[in-house]
Amino acid sequence: MDGVSNLFTGMRAAASGMSAERVRIDTIAKNIANAQVTHTPEGGPYRREVVHFAPIVRSTGFGKSENLGVRVAGVRADDSTPFERIHDPSHPDADADGWVNYPNVNTTREMADLITAVRAYEANLDVASSFVRMAERALRLAQ
């Protein structure tokens, strides 16, 4: 029975990876969609969002633990990257000197992150599919 339990543990880990990467993909899409938004309801330009992951850990006793997957620890605004400033006195959001703050979204970087997130999602999907195939083989052998 321990083998079956390990099989499902692996399947849950792959599923947690797919779920986390899906949040990352959605966040990147939101960043790209708002790459030119200079005025939000909160005021100021859109601020890029970043997804932070954390491991799902279970204590096995005696100071040891096992990693069961990954979870989204949070989606936070990227406060470390400055806004892009462009001189455009005709823009409705220009300041008194004609400067406009644009979002801190670099679409090239976002596209590279998107490719990485999609590939990570696909890798987790392949792992989950492998677990399904192993379970099917185990059931055939048990017949």
C-alpha atoms as a PDB file:
ATOM      1  CA  MET A   1       0.000   0.000   0.000  1.00  0.00           C
ATOM      2  CA  ASP A   2       2.987   2.283   0.552  1.00  0.00           C
ATOM      3  CA  GLY A   3       3.710   2.281  -3.204  1.00  0.00           C
ATOM      4  CA  VAL A   4       0.175   3.441  -3.986  1.00  0.00           C
ATOM      5  CA  SER A   5       0.505   6.191  -1.388  1.00  0.00           C
ATOM      6  CA  ASN A   6       3.792   7.314  -2.960  1.00  0.00           C
ATOM      7  CA  LEU A   7       2.135   7.286  -6.384  1.00  0.00           C
ATOM      8  CA  PHE A   8      -0.592   9.634  -5.192  1.00  0.00           C
ATOM      9  CA  THR A   9       1.948  11.825  -3.375  1.00  0.00           C
ATOM     10  CA  GLY A  10       3.808  12.259  -6.659  1.00  0.00           C
ATOM     11  CA  MET A  11       0.577  12.971  -8.509  1.00  0.00           C
ATOM     12  CA  ARG A  12      -0.404  15.628  -5.934  1.00  0.00           C
ATOM     13  CA  ALA A  13       3.043  17.242  -6.239  1.00  0.00           C
ATOM     14  CA  ALA A  14       2.698  17.466 -10.037  1.00  0.00           C
ATOM     15  CA  ALA A  15      -0.840  18.842  -9.689  1.00  0.00           C
ATOM     16  CA  SER A  16       0.349  21.476  -7.206  1.00  0.00           C
ATOM     17  CA  GLY A  17       3.027  22.525  -9.699  1.00  0.00           C
ATOM     18  CA  MET A  18       0.460  22.876 -12.478  1.00  0.00           C
ATOM     19  CA  SER A  19      -1.816  24.920 -10.223  1.00  0.00           C
ATOM     20  CA  ALA A  20       1.012  27.239  -9.155  1.00  0.00           C
ATOM     21  CA  GLU A  21       2.248  27.730 -12.728  1.00  0.00           C
ATOM     22  CA  ARG A  22      -1.299  28.522 -13.843  1.00  0.00           C
ATOM     23  CA  VAL A  23      -1.400  31.418 -11.361  1.00  0.00           C
ATOM     24  CA  ARG A  24       1.967  32.570 -12.704  1.00  0.00           C
ATOM     25  CA  ILE A  25       0.723  32.409 -16.322  1.00  0.00           C
ATOM     26  CA  ASP A  26      -2.415  34.398 -15.429  1.00  0.00           C
ATOM     27  CA  THR A  27      -0.329  37.019 -13.593  1.00  0.00           C
ATOM     28  CA  ILE A  28       2.057  37.419 -16.527  1.00  0.00           C
ATOM     29  CA  ALA A  29      -0.915  37.825 -18.889  1.00  0.00           C
ATOM     30  CA  LYS A  30      -2.303  40.523 -16.588  1.00  0.00           C
ATOM     31  CA  ASN A  31       1.070  42.309 -16.605  1.00  0.00           C
ATOM     32  CA  ILE A  32       1.227  42.269 -20.415  1.00  0.00           C
ATOM     33  CA  ALA A  33      -2.377  43.476 -20.699  1.00  0.00           C
ATOM     34  CA  ASN A  34      -1.610  46.443 -18.426  1.00  0.00           C
ATOM     35  CA  ALA A  35       1.800  47.347 -19.894  1.00  0.00           C
ATOM     36  CA  GLN A  36       0.570  50.753 -21.101  1.00  0.00           C
ATOM     37  CA  VAL A  37      -1.851  51.672 -18.284  1.00  0.00           C
ATOM     38  CA  THR A  38      -0.690  54.986 -16.840  1.00  0.00           C
ATOM     39  CA  HIS A  39      -3.612  55.575 -14.492  1.00  0.00           C
ATOM     40  CA  THR A  40      -5.245  52.981 -12.243  1.00  0.00           C
ATOM     41  CA  PRO A  41      -8.197  53.408  -9.840  1.00  0.00           C
ATOM     42  CA  GLU A  42      -5.644  53.463  -7.002  1.00  0.00           C
ATOM     43  CA  GLY A  43      -3.823  56.311  -8.758  1.00  0.00           C
ATOM     44  CA  GLY A  44      -0.571  56.177 -10.673  1.00  0.00           C
ATOM     45  CA  PRO A  45       0.511  53.667 -13.282  1.00  0.00           C
ATOM     46  CA  TYR A  46      -0.043  49.922 -13.140  1.00  0.00           C
ATOM     47  CA  ARG A  47       2.623  48.157 -11.096  1.00  0.00           C
ATOM     48  CA  ARG A  48       3.921  44.789 -12.315  1.00  0.00           C
ATOM     49  CA  GLU A  49       2.918  41.800 -10.183  1.00  0.00           C
ATOM     50  CA  VAL A  50       5.161  38.859  -9.312  1.00  0.00           C
ATOM     51  CA  VAL A  51       4.122  35.402  -8.093  1.00  0.00           C
ATOM     52  CA  HIS A  52       6.068  33.929  -5.176  1.00  0.00           C
ATOM     53  CA  PHE A  53       6.139  30.167  -4.609  1.00  0.00           C
ATOM     54  CA  ALA A  54       6.738  28.232  -1.403  1.00  0.00           C
ATOM     55  CA  PRO A  55       7.214  24.517  -0.824  1.00  0.00           C
ATOM     56  CA  ILE A  56       4.488  22.362   0.693  1.00  0.00           C
ATOM     57  CA  VAL A  57       6.368  20.567   3.457  1.00  0.00           C
ATOM     58  CA  ARG A  58       5.240  17.806   5.829  1.00  0.00           C
ATOM     59  CA  SER A  59       7.108  16.868   8.955  1.00  0.00           C
ATOM     60  CA  THR A  60       7.967  13.162   9.064  1.00  0.00           C
ATOM     61  CA  GLY A  61       9.226  13.314  12.662  1.00  0.00           C
ATOM     62  CA  PHE A  62      12.638  13.461  14.311  1.00  0.00           C
ATOM     63  CA  GLY A  63      13.483  16.781  12.646  1.00  0.00           C
ATOM     64  CA  LYS A  64      12.957  15.445   9.116  1.00  0.00           C
ATOM     65  CA  SER A  65      10.501  16.638   6.519  1.00  0.00           C
ATOM     66  CA  GLU A  66       9.435  15.839   2.988  1.00  0.00           C
ATOM     67  CA  ASN A  67       8.507  18.152   0.161  1.00  0.00           C
ATOM     68  CA  LEU A  68       5.000  17.460  -1.136  1.00  0.00           C
ATOM     69  CA  GLY A  69       4.836  20.068  -3.867  1.00  0.00           C
ATOM     70  CA  VAL A  70       4.626  23.804  -4.316  1.00  0.00           C
ATOM     71  CA  ARG A  71       2.049  26.456  -3.502  1.00  0.00           C
ATOM     72  CA  VAL A  72       1.560  30.109  -4.306  1.00  0.00           C
ATOM     73  CA  ALA A  73       2.806  32.029  -1.283  1.00  0.00           C
ATOM     74  CA  GLY A  74       1.490  35.275  -2.706  1.00  0.00           C
ATOM     75  CA  VAL A  75       1.185  37.639  -5.636  1.00  0.00           C
ATOM     76  CA  ARG A  76       2.899  40.893  -4.810  1.00  0.00           C
ATOM     77  CA  ALA A  77       3.582  44.166  -6.562  1.00  0.00           C
ATOM     78  CA  ASP A  78       7.116  44.596  -7.897  1.00  0.00           C
ATOM     79  CA  ASP A  79       8.236  47.588  -5.838  1.00  0.00           C
ATOM     80  CA  SER A  80      11.921  47.173  -6.685  1.00  0.00           C
ATOM     81  CA  THR A  81      11.643  48.016 -10.404  1.00  0.00           C
ATOM     82  CA  PRO A  82      11.108  51.724 -11.121  1.00  0.00           C
ATOM     83  CA  PHE A  83       8.458  53.082 -13.454  1.00  0.00           C
ATOM     84  CA  GLU A  84       9.522  54.106 -16.932  1.00  0.00           C
ATOM     85  CA  ARG A  85       9.435  57.901 -17.345  1.00  0.00           C
ATOM     86  CA  ILE A  86       8.696  59.321 -20.788  1.00  0.00           C
ATOM     87  CA  HIS A  87       8.478  62.984 -21.689  1.00  0.00           C
ATOM     88  CA  ASP A  88       5.096  63.525 -23.318  1.00  0.00           C
ATOM     89  CA  PRO A  89       3.503  66.871 -22.336  1.00  0.00           C
ATOM     90  CA  SER A  90       0.350  66.079 -24.363  1.00  0.00           C
ATOM     91  CA  HIS A  91      -0.446  62.926 -22.351  1.00  0.00           C
ATOM     92  CA  PRO A  92      -3.379  63.353 -19.921  1.00  0.00           C
ATOM     93  CA  ASP A  93      -1.323  61.827 -17.057  1.00  0.00           C
ATOM     94  CA  ALA A  94       1.737  64.049 -17.607  1.00  0.00           C
ATOM     95  CA  ASP A  95       3.036  65.951 -14.598  1.00  0.00           C
ATOM     96  CA  ALA A  96       3.690  69.718 -14.607  1.00  0.00           C
ATOM     97  CA  ASP A  97       7.028  69.184 -16.396  1.00  0.00           C
ATOM     98  CA  GLY A  98       5.481  66.919 -19.075  1.00  0.00           C
ATOM     99  CA  TRP A  99       6.771  63.591 -17.719  1.00  0.00           C
ATOM    100  CA  VAL A 100       4.547  60.491 -17.678  1.00  0.00           C
ATOM    101  CA  ASN A 101       5.169  57.440 -15.503  1.00  0.00           C
ATOM    102  CA  TYR A 102       4.558  54.214 -17.412  1.00  0.00           C
ATOM    103  CA  PRO A 103       4.213  50.782 -15.779  1.00  0.00           C
ATOM    104  CA  ASN A 104       7.336  48.890 -14.747  1.00  0.00           C
ATOM    105  CA  VAL A 105       6.365  46.109 -17.162  1.00  0.00           C
ATOM    106  CA  ASN A 106       8.990  45.008 -19.673  1.00  0.00           C
ATOM    107  CA  THR A 107       7.043  42.991 -22.259  1.00  0.00           C
ATOM    108  CA  THR A 108      10.170  41.161 -23.466  1.00  0.00           C
ATOM    109  CA  ARG A 109      10.880  39.994 -19.923  1.00  0.00           C
ATOM    110  CA  GLU A 110       7.233  39.034 -19.439  1.00  0.00           C
ATOM    111  CA  MET A 111       7.230  36.979 -22.640  1.00  0.00           C
ATOM    112  CA  ALA A 112      10.393  35.163 -21.528  1.00  0.00           C
ATOM    113  CA  ASP A 113       8.777  34.495 -18.138  1.00  0.00           C
ATOM    114  CA  LEU A 114       5.630  33.293 -19.912  1.00  0.00           C
ATOM    115  CA  ILE A 115       7.600  30.786 -21.985  1.00  0.00           C
ATOM    116  CA  THR A 116       9.303  29.513 -18.817  1.00  0.00           C
ATOM    117  CA  ALA A 117       5.973  29.216 -16.964  1.00  0.00           C
ATOM    118  CA  VAL A 118       4.296  27.369 -19.855  1.00  0.00           C
ATOM    119  CA  ARG A 119       7.208  24.930 -20.092  1.00  0.00           C
ATOM    120  CA  ALA A 120       7.117  24.324 -16.341  1.00  0.00           C
ATOM    121  CA  TYR A 121       3.367  23.702 -16.571  1.00  0.00           C
ATOM    122  CA  GLU A 122       3.933  21.237 -19.437  1.00  0.00           C
ATOM    123  CA  ALA A 123       6.688  19.464 -17.477  1.00  0.00           C
ATOM    124  CA  ASN A 124       4.329  18.996 -14.518  1.00  0.00           C
ATOM    125  CA  LEU A 125       1.638  17.758 -16.907  1.00  0.00           C
ATOM    126  CA  ASP A 126       4.081  15.194 -18.318  1.00  0.00           C
ATOM    127  CA  VAL A 127       4.909  14.024 -14.790  1.00  0.00           C
ATOM    128  CA  ALA A 128       1.213  13.682 -13.937  1.00  0.00           C
ATOM    129  CA  SER A 129       0.630  11.717 -17.150  1.00  0.00           C
ATOM    130  CA  SER A 130       3.512   9.410 -16.243  1.00  0.00           C
ATOM    131  CA  PHE A 131       1.933   8.720 -12.850  1.00  0.00           C
ATOM    132  CA  VAL A 132      -1.372   7.886 -14.549  1.00  0.00           C
ATOM    133  CA  ARG A 133       0.382   5.456 -16.920  1.00  0.00           C
ATOM    134  CA  MET A 134       2.178   3.819 -13.972  1.00  0.00           C
ATOM    135  CA  ALA A 135      -1.094   3.436 -12.089  1.00  0.00           C
ATOM    136  CA  GLU A 136      -2.746   1.874 -15.156  1.00  0.00           C
ATOM    137  CA  ARG A 137       0.122  -0.611 -15.499  1.00  0.00           C
ATOM    138  CA  ALA A 138      -0.068  -1.457 -11.805  1.00  0.00           C
ATOM    139  CA  LEU A 139      -3.787  -2.139 -12.106  1.00  0.00           C
ATOM    140  CA  ARG A 140      -3.212  -4.375 -15.144  1.00  0.00           C
ATOM    141  CA  LEU A 141      -0.549  -6.306 -13.251  1.00  0.00           C
ATOM    142  CA  ALA A 142      -2.865  -6.751 -10.257  1.00  0.00           C
ATOM    143  CA  GLN A 143      -5.568  -8.412 -12.392  1.00  0.00           C
END
